[in-house]
Amino acid sequence: MAKCDQGYLCEVCGEEVEDLSESDLYLRFIIGEVPVRDLLTSPERHLKCHPFLAQFILDDRFEPVKLDSPFSKENLDPAERSRMEALVTRGFQRLQELRTLPPMPFAHYPLPEFQTAG
């Protein structure tokens, strides 16, 4: 396969991130961490290859990630942990929803509070 025929490669494992639903980059875009202008230049990872972020996903469609490190969500202030779980879980759910929707402009991908008027 020619390099131009490949999708984004995970900067951690080197494998192709084959589907939007497993994209760390697009999850971070949806939750307001990555601006649209950076989508083509930011590194890509599978959700599982970014365990710090993945540990906040609380959804039956995603296998839980537990960190045994100083970066574990268990070491966060309970209010911040709850805030992150709610935000990242909503972002993950939006990421899954996008797979079922007709094509739309990127500006409509993020959660409502992160969409910019355009």
N, C-alpha and C. Protein backbone atom coordinates (compact mmCIF):
# COMPACT_ATOMS: atom_id res chain seq x y z
N MET A 1 0.85 -1.18 0.00
CA MET A 1 0.00 0.00 0.00
C MET A 1 0.90 1.24 0.00
N ALA A 2 0.59 2.18 -0.84
CA ALA A 2 1.34 3.44 -0.87
C ALA A 2 1.03 4.24 0.38
N LYS A 3 2.03 5.02 0.82
CA LYS A 3 1.82 5.81 2.03
C LYS A 3 0.60 6.71 1.91
N CYS A 4 0.37 7.24 0.71
CA CYS A 4 -0.78 8.14 0.53
C CYS A 4 -2.11 7.39 0.63
N ASP A 5 -2.09 6.08 0.53
CA ASP A 5 -3.32 5.29 0.65
C ASP A 5 -3.62 4.90 2.09
N GLN A 6 -2.70 5.18 3.00
CA GLN A 6 -2.92 4.84 4.41
C GLN A 6 -3.64 5.97 5.11
N GLY A 7 -4.36 5.61 6.16
CA GLY A 7 -4.98 6.63 7.01
C GLY A 7 -3.93 7.15 7.98
N TYR A 8 -4.40 7.74 9.03
CA TYR A 8 -3.48 8.24 10.04
C TYR A 8 -2.87 7.08 10.80
N LEU A 9 -1.58 7.17 11.07
CA LEU A 9 -0.90 6.13 11.83
C LEU A 9 -0.78 6.59 13.28
N CYS A 10 -0.99 5.66 14.20
CA CYS A 10 -0.88 5.93 15.63
C CYS A 10 0.57 6.20 15.97
N GLU A 11 0.82 7.33 16.65
CA GLU A 11 2.19 7.67 17.01
C GLU A 11 2.75 6.76 18.11
N VAL A 12 1.90 5.98 18.76
CA VAL A 12 2.35 5.10 19.83
C VAL A 12 2.66 3.70 19.31
N CYS A 13 1.68 3.08 18.66
CA CYS A 13 1.86 1.68 18.22
C CYS A 13 2.25 1.55 16.75
N GLY A 14 2.09 2.62 15.98
CA GLY A 14 2.46 2.60 14.58
C GLY A 14 1.42 2.00 13.65
N GLU A 15 0.33 1.47 14.19
CA GLU A 15 -0.73 0.88 13.38
C GLU A 15 -1.68 1.98 12.90
N GLU A 16 -2.40 1.68 11.84
CA GLU A 16 -3.36 2.64 11.30
C GLU A 16 -4.55 2.80 12.24
N VAL A 17 -4.98 4.03 12.44
CA VAL A 17 -6.22 4.31 13.16
C VAL A 17 -7.29 4.27 12.08
N GLU A 18 -7.93 3.12 11.98
CA GLU A 18 -8.80 2.82 10.84
C GLU A 18 -10.16 3.49 10.88
N ASP A 19 -10.61 3.86 12.05
CA ASP A 19 -11.98 4.34 12.16
C ASP A 19 -12.03 5.54 13.11
N LEU A 20 -12.86 6.50 12.75
CA LEU A 20 -13.06 7.69 13.57
C LEU A 20 -13.40 7.33 15.01
N SER A 21 -14.14 6.23 15.19
CA SER A 21 -14.62 5.87 16.52
C SER A 21 -13.51 5.45 17.47
N GLU A 22 -12.31 5.20 16.96
CA GLU A 22 -11.19 4.82 17.83
C GLU A 22 -10.10 5.89 17.84
N SER A 23 -10.43 7.09 17.39
CA SER A 23 -9.46 8.17 17.23
C SER A 23 -9.36 9.06 18.45
N ASP A 24 -8.19 9.08 19.04
CA ASP A 24 -7.90 9.99 20.13
C ASP A 24 -7.92 11.44 19.64
N LEU A 25 -7.40 11.68 18.44
CA LEU A 25 -7.35 13.03 17.89
C LEU A 25 -8.76 13.62 17.75
N TYR A 26 -9.66 12.85 17.18
CA TYR A 26 -11.02 13.36 17.00
C TYR A 26 -11.79 13.44 18.31
N LEU A 27 -11.50 12.58 19.26
CA LEU A 27 -12.12 12.73 20.58
C LEU A 27 -11.67 14.05 21.20
N ARG A 28 -10.37 14.33 21.12
CA ARG A 28 -9.87 15.59 21.68
C ARG A 28 -10.44 16.80 20.94
N PHE A 29 -10.70 16.68 19.64
CA PHE A 29 -11.34 17.75 18.88
C PHE A 29 -12.78 17.95 19.38
N ILE A 30 -13.49 16.88 19.57
CA ILE A 30 -14.89 16.93 20.00
C ILE A 30 -15.04 17.56 21.38
N ILE A 31 -14.05 17.35 22.26
CA ILE A 31 -14.15 17.91 23.62
C ILE A 31 -13.40 19.24 23.76
N GLY A 32 -13.03 19.84 22.63
CA GLY A 32 -12.48 21.19 22.65
C GLY A 32 -11.00 21.31 22.93
N GLU A 33 -10.25 20.22 22.91
CA GLU A 33 -8.82 20.28 23.19
C GLU A 33 -7.97 20.55 21.94
N VAL A 34 -8.51 20.26 20.77
CA VAL A 34 -7.78 20.43 19.52
C VAL A 34 -8.61 21.31 18.59
N PRO A 35 -8.08 22.45 18.14
CA PRO A 35 -8.83 23.28 17.19
C PRO A 35 -8.85 22.63 15.81
N VAL A 36 -9.88 22.94 15.02
CA VAL A 36 -10.04 22.34 13.70
C VAL A 36 -8.80 22.55 12.84
N ARG A 37 -8.13 23.68 12.96
CA ARG A 37 -6.95 23.97 12.13
C ARG A 37 -5.80 23.02 12.41
N ASP A 38 -5.84 22.31 13.55
CA ASP A 38 -4.75 21.40 13.92
C ASP A 38 -5.05 19.94 13.58
N LEU A 39 -6.21 19.65 13.02
CA LEU A 39 -6.56 18.25 12.75
C LEU A 39 -5.59 17.58 11.78
N LEU A 40 -5.08 18.29 10.81
CA LEU A 40 -4.18 17.69 9.83
C LEU A 40 -2.73 17.63 10.28
N THR A 41 -2.39 18.36 11.33
CA THR A 41 -0.99 18.41 11.75
C THR A 41 -0.73 17.79 13.13
N SER A 42 -1.79 17.50 13.87
CA SER A 42 -1.61 16.92 15.21
C SER A 42 -1.40 15.42 15.11
N PRO A 43 -0.62 14.85 16.03
CA PRO A 43 -0.42 13.40 16.01
C PRO A 43 -1.71 12.65 16.33
N GLU A 44 -1.80 11.47 15.76
CA GLU A 44 -2.97 10.62 15.96
C GLU A 44 -2.59 9.44 16.85
N ARG A 45 -3.56 8.96 17.60
CA ARG A 45 -3.39 7.76 18.44
C ARG A 45 -4.72 7.04 18.50
N HIS A 46 -4.65 5.75 18.77
CA HIS A 46 -5.86 5.02 19.13
C HIS A 46 -6.25 5.47 20.53
N LEU A 47 -7.51 5.39 20.85
CA LEU A 47 -7.94 5.74 22.21
C LEU A 47 -7.18 4.93 23.25
N LYS A 48 -7.01 3.63 23.00
CA LYS A 48 -6.31 2.76 23.95
C LYS A 48 -4.83 3.13 24.09
N CYS A 49 -4.28 3.80 23.08
CA CYS A 49 -2.87 4.19 23.11
C CYS A 49 -2.67 5.52 23.82
N HIS A 50 -3.74 6.12 24.32
CA HIS A 50 -3.67 7.34 25.14
C HIS A 50 -4.40 7.05 26.45
N PRO A 51 -3.78 6.22 27.30
CA PRO A 51 -4.48 5.74 28.50
C PRO A 51 -4.90 6.83 29.47
N PHE A 52 -4.15 7.94 29.51
CA PHE A 52 -4.57 9.00 30.43
C PHE A 52 -5.97 9.48 30.07
N LEU A 53 -6.21 9.76 28.81
CA LEU A 53 -7.53 10.21 28.38
C LEU A 53 -8.55 9.07 28.43
N ALA A 54 -8.16 7.89 27.97
CA ALA A 54 -9.06 6.74 27.89
C ALA A 54 -9.62 6.34 29.25
N GLN A 55 -8.87 6.57 30.33
CA GLN A 55 -9.36 6.16 31.65
C GLN A 55 -10.62 6.89 32.07
N PHE A 56 -10.93 8.00 31.41
CA PHE A 56 -12.12 8.78 31.77
C PHE A 56 -13.37 8.34 31.01
N ILE A 57 -13.24 7.42 30.06
CA ILE A 57 -14.39 6.96 29.29
C ILE A 57 -15.16 5.92 30.11
N LEU A 58 -16.41 6.25 30.41
CA LEU A 58 -17.29 5.35 31.17
C LEU A 58 -18.46 4.99 30.27
N ASP A 59 -18.26 4.01 29.44
CA ASP A 59 -19.28 3.58 28.49
C ASP A 59 -19.10 2.10 28.25
N ASP A 60 -20.20 1.36 28.21
CA ASP A 60 -20.14 -0.09 28.03
C ASP A 60 -19.49 -0.51 26.71
N ARG A 61 -19.46 0.40 25.73
CA ARG A 61 -18.86 0.08 24.43
C ARG A 61 -17.33 0.20 24.44
N PHE A 62 -16.77 0.62 25.56
CA PHE A 62 -15.33 0.84 25.66
C PHE A 62 -14.79 0.10 26.87
N GLU A 63 -13.80 -0.74 26.65
CA GLU A 63 -13.20 -1.49 27.75
C GLU A 63 -12.49 -0.52 28.70
N PRO A 64 -12.83 -0.57 29.98
CA PRO A 64 -12.23 0.37 30.94
C PRO A 64 -10.70 0.30 30.96
N VAL A 65 -10.11 1.46 31.16
CA VAL A 65 -8.66 1.58 31.27
C VAL A 65 -8.36 2.03 32.68
N LYS A 66 -7.45 1.33 33.33
CA LYS A 66 -7.04 1.70 34.69
C LYS A 66 -5.54 1.95 34.67
N LEU A 67 -5.14 3.12 35.12
CA LEU A 67 -3.72 3.45 35.21
C LEU A 67 -3.21 3.16 36.61
N ASP A 68 -2.06 2.58 36.68
CA ASP A 68 -1.39 2.38 37.96
C ASP A 68 -0.15 3.26 37.94
N SER A 69 -0.40 4.56 38.03
CA SER A 69 0.69 5.53 37.95
C SER A 69 0.24 6.82 38.64
N PRO A 70 1.14 7.77 38.79
CA PRO A 70 0.74 9.05 39.38
C PRO A 70 -0.31 9.77 38.54
N PHE A 71 -0.49 9.36 37.27
CA PHE A 71 -1.46 10.01 36.40
C PHE A 71 -2.84 9.35 36.44
N SER A 72 -3.02 8.40 37.34
CA SER A 72 -4.31 7.73 37.50
C SER A 72 -5.37 8.75 37.92
N LYS A 73 -6.56 8.59 37.37
CA LYS A 73 -7.65 9.49 37.76
C LYS A 73 -7.97 9.38 39.24
N GLU A 74 -7.58 8.27 39.84
CA GLU A 74 -7.81 8.09 41.27
C GLU A 74 -7.03 9.11 42.11
N ASN A 75 -6.00 9.69 41.53
CA ASN A 75 -5.19 10.67 42.24
C ASN A 75 -5.68 12.10 42.06
N LEU A 76 -6.74 12.27 41.27
CA LEU A 76 -7.30 13.60 41.04
C LEU A 76 -8.30 13.96 42.13
N ASP A 77 -8.50 15.24 42.28
CA ASP A 77 -9.56 15.74 43.13
C ASP A 77 -10.88 15.13 42.62
N PRO A 78 -11.73 14.63 43.52
CA PRO A 78 -12.97 13.97 43.08
C PRO A 78 -13.84 14.83 42.14
N ALA A 79 -13.91 16.12 42.37
CA ALA A 79 -14.72 16.98 41.51
C ALA A 79 -14.11 17.05 40.10
N GLU A 80 -12.79 17.15 40.01
CA GLU A 80 -12.13 17.20 38.71
C GLU A 80 -12.25 15.85 38.00
N ARG A 81 -12.13 14.78 38.73
CA ARG A 81 -12.29 13.44 38.15
C ARG A 81 -13.69 13.29 37.57
N SER A 82 -14.72 13.69 38.32
CA SER A 82 -16.10 13.60 37.83
C SER A 82 -16.32 14.48 36.61
N ARG A 83 -15.75 15.68 36.62
CA ARG A 83 -15.87 16.58 35.47
C ARG A 83 -15.25 15.95 34.23
N MET A 84 -14.05 15.39 34.38
CA MET A 84 -13.37 14.76 33.25
C MET A 84 -14.11 13.52 32.76
N GLU A 85 -14.61 12.71 33.67
CA GLU A 85 -15.37 11.53 33.26
C GLU A 85 -16.61 11.93 32.46
N ALA A 86 -17.31 12.95 32.92
CA ALA A 86 -18.51 13.40 32.21
C ALA A 86 -18.16 13.94 30.83
N LEU A 87 -17.15 14.78 30.76
CA LEU A 87 -16.76 15.39 29.48
C LEU A 87 -16.25 14.36 28.49
N VAL A 88 -15.30 13.54 28.91
CA VAL A 88 -14.69 12.58 27.99
C VAL A 88 -15.69 11.49 27.58
N THR A 89 -16.54 11.09 28.50
CA THR A 89 -17.57 10.11 28.15
C THR A 89 -18.55 10.69 27.14
N ARG A 90 -18.99 11.92 27.34
CA ARG A 90 -19.87 12.56 26.36
C ARG A 90 -19.17 12.68 25.01
N GLY A 91 -17.89 13.02 25.04
CA GLY A 91 -17.12 13.11 23.80
C GLY A 91 -17.03 11.77 23.10
N PHE A 92 -16.78 10.70 23.85
CA PHE A 92 -16.72 9.36 23.28
C PHE A 92 -18.07 8.99 22.67
N GLN A 93 -19.14 9.30 23.35
CA GLN A 93 -20.47 8.98 22.84
C GLN A 93 -20.77 9.76 21.56
N ARG A 94 -20.32 11.01 21.50
CA ARG A 94 -20.48 11.80 20.27
C ARG A 94 -19.66 11.18 19.14
N LEU A 95 -18.46 10.74 19.45
CA LEU A 95 -17.60 10.10 18.46
C LEU A 95 -18.28 8.87 17.87
N GLN A 96 -18.94 8.08 18.71
CA GLN A 96 -19.66 6.90 18.24
C GLN A 96 -20.87 7.31 17.40
N GLU A 97 -21.56 8.36 17.83
CA GLU A 97 -22.74 8.85 17.11
C GLU A 97 -22.38 9.33 15.70
N LEU A 98 -21.23 9.97 15.55
CA LEU A 98 -20.82 10.50 14.25
C LEU A 98 -20.73 9.42 13.18
N ARG A 99 -20.44 8.20 13.59
CA ARG A 99 -20.34 7.08 12.64
C ARG A 99 -21.68 6.80 11.98
N THR A 100 -22.77 7.15 12.63
CA THR A 100 -24.10 6.81 12.13
C THR A 100 -24.78 7.97 11.42
N LEU A 101 -24.18 9.15 11.44
CA LEU A 101 -24.80 10.34 10.86
C LEU A 101 -24.30 10.56 9.43
N PRO A 102 -25.11 11.26 8.62
CA PRO A 102 -24.63 11.60 7.29
C PRO A 102 -23.45 12.57 7.39
N PRO A 103 -22.63 12.64 6.35
CA PRO A 103 -21.49 13.57 6.38
C PRO A 103 -21.93 14.99 6.72
N MET A 104 -21.08 15.66 7.47
CA MET A 104 -21.38 17.03 7.90
C MET A 104 -20.07 17.80 8.01
N PRO A 105 -20.13 19.13 8.06
CA PRO A 105 -18.91 19.92 8.23
C PRO A 105 -18.25 19.61 9.58
N PHE A 106 -16.92 19.70 9.61
CA PHE A 106 -16.18 19.45 10.84
C PHE A 106 -16.65 20.34 11.99
N ALA A 107 -17.11 21.53 11.68
CA ALA A 107 -17.55 22.46 12.72
C ALA A 107 -18.70 21.90 13.55
N HIS A 108 -19.40 20.89 13.02
CA HIS A 108 -20.53 20.30 13.74
C HIS A 108 -20.16 19.06 14.54
N TYR A 109 -18.91 18.62 14.46
CA TYR A 109 -18.47 17.43 15.20
C TYR A 109 -18.42 17.66 16.71
N PRO A 110 -17.86 18.78 17.18
CA PRO A 110 -17.69 18.94 18.63
C PRO A 110 -19.00 18.97 19.40
N LEU A 111 -18.86 18.73 20.70
CA LEU A 111 -19.99 18.90 21.60
C LEU A 111 -20.48 20.34 21.46
N PRO A 112 -21.76 20.60 21.70
CA PRO A 112 -22.32 21.93 21.48
C PRO A 112 -21.53 23.07 22.11
N GLU A 113 -21.05 22.87 23.30
CA GLU A 113 -20.34 23.97 23.97
C GLU A 113 -18.97 24.28 23.35
N PHE A 114 -18.51 23.42 22.45
CA PHE A 114 -17.22 23.64 21.78
C PHE A 114 -17.36 23.97 20.30
N GLN A 115 -18.60 24.04 19.82
CA GLN A 115 -18.81 24.43 18.43
C GLN A 115 -18.70 25.94 18.33
N THR A 116 -18.03 26.37 17.28
CA THR A 116 -17.88 27.80 17.06
C THR A 116 -18.85 28.24 15.98
N ALA A 117 -19.34 29.43 16.12
CA ALA A 117 -20.22 29.97 15.08
C ALA A 117 -19.41 30.14 13.81
N GLY A 118 -19.97 29.76 12.72
CA GLY A 118 -19.19 29.87 11.50
C GLY A 118 -20.02 30.12 10.36
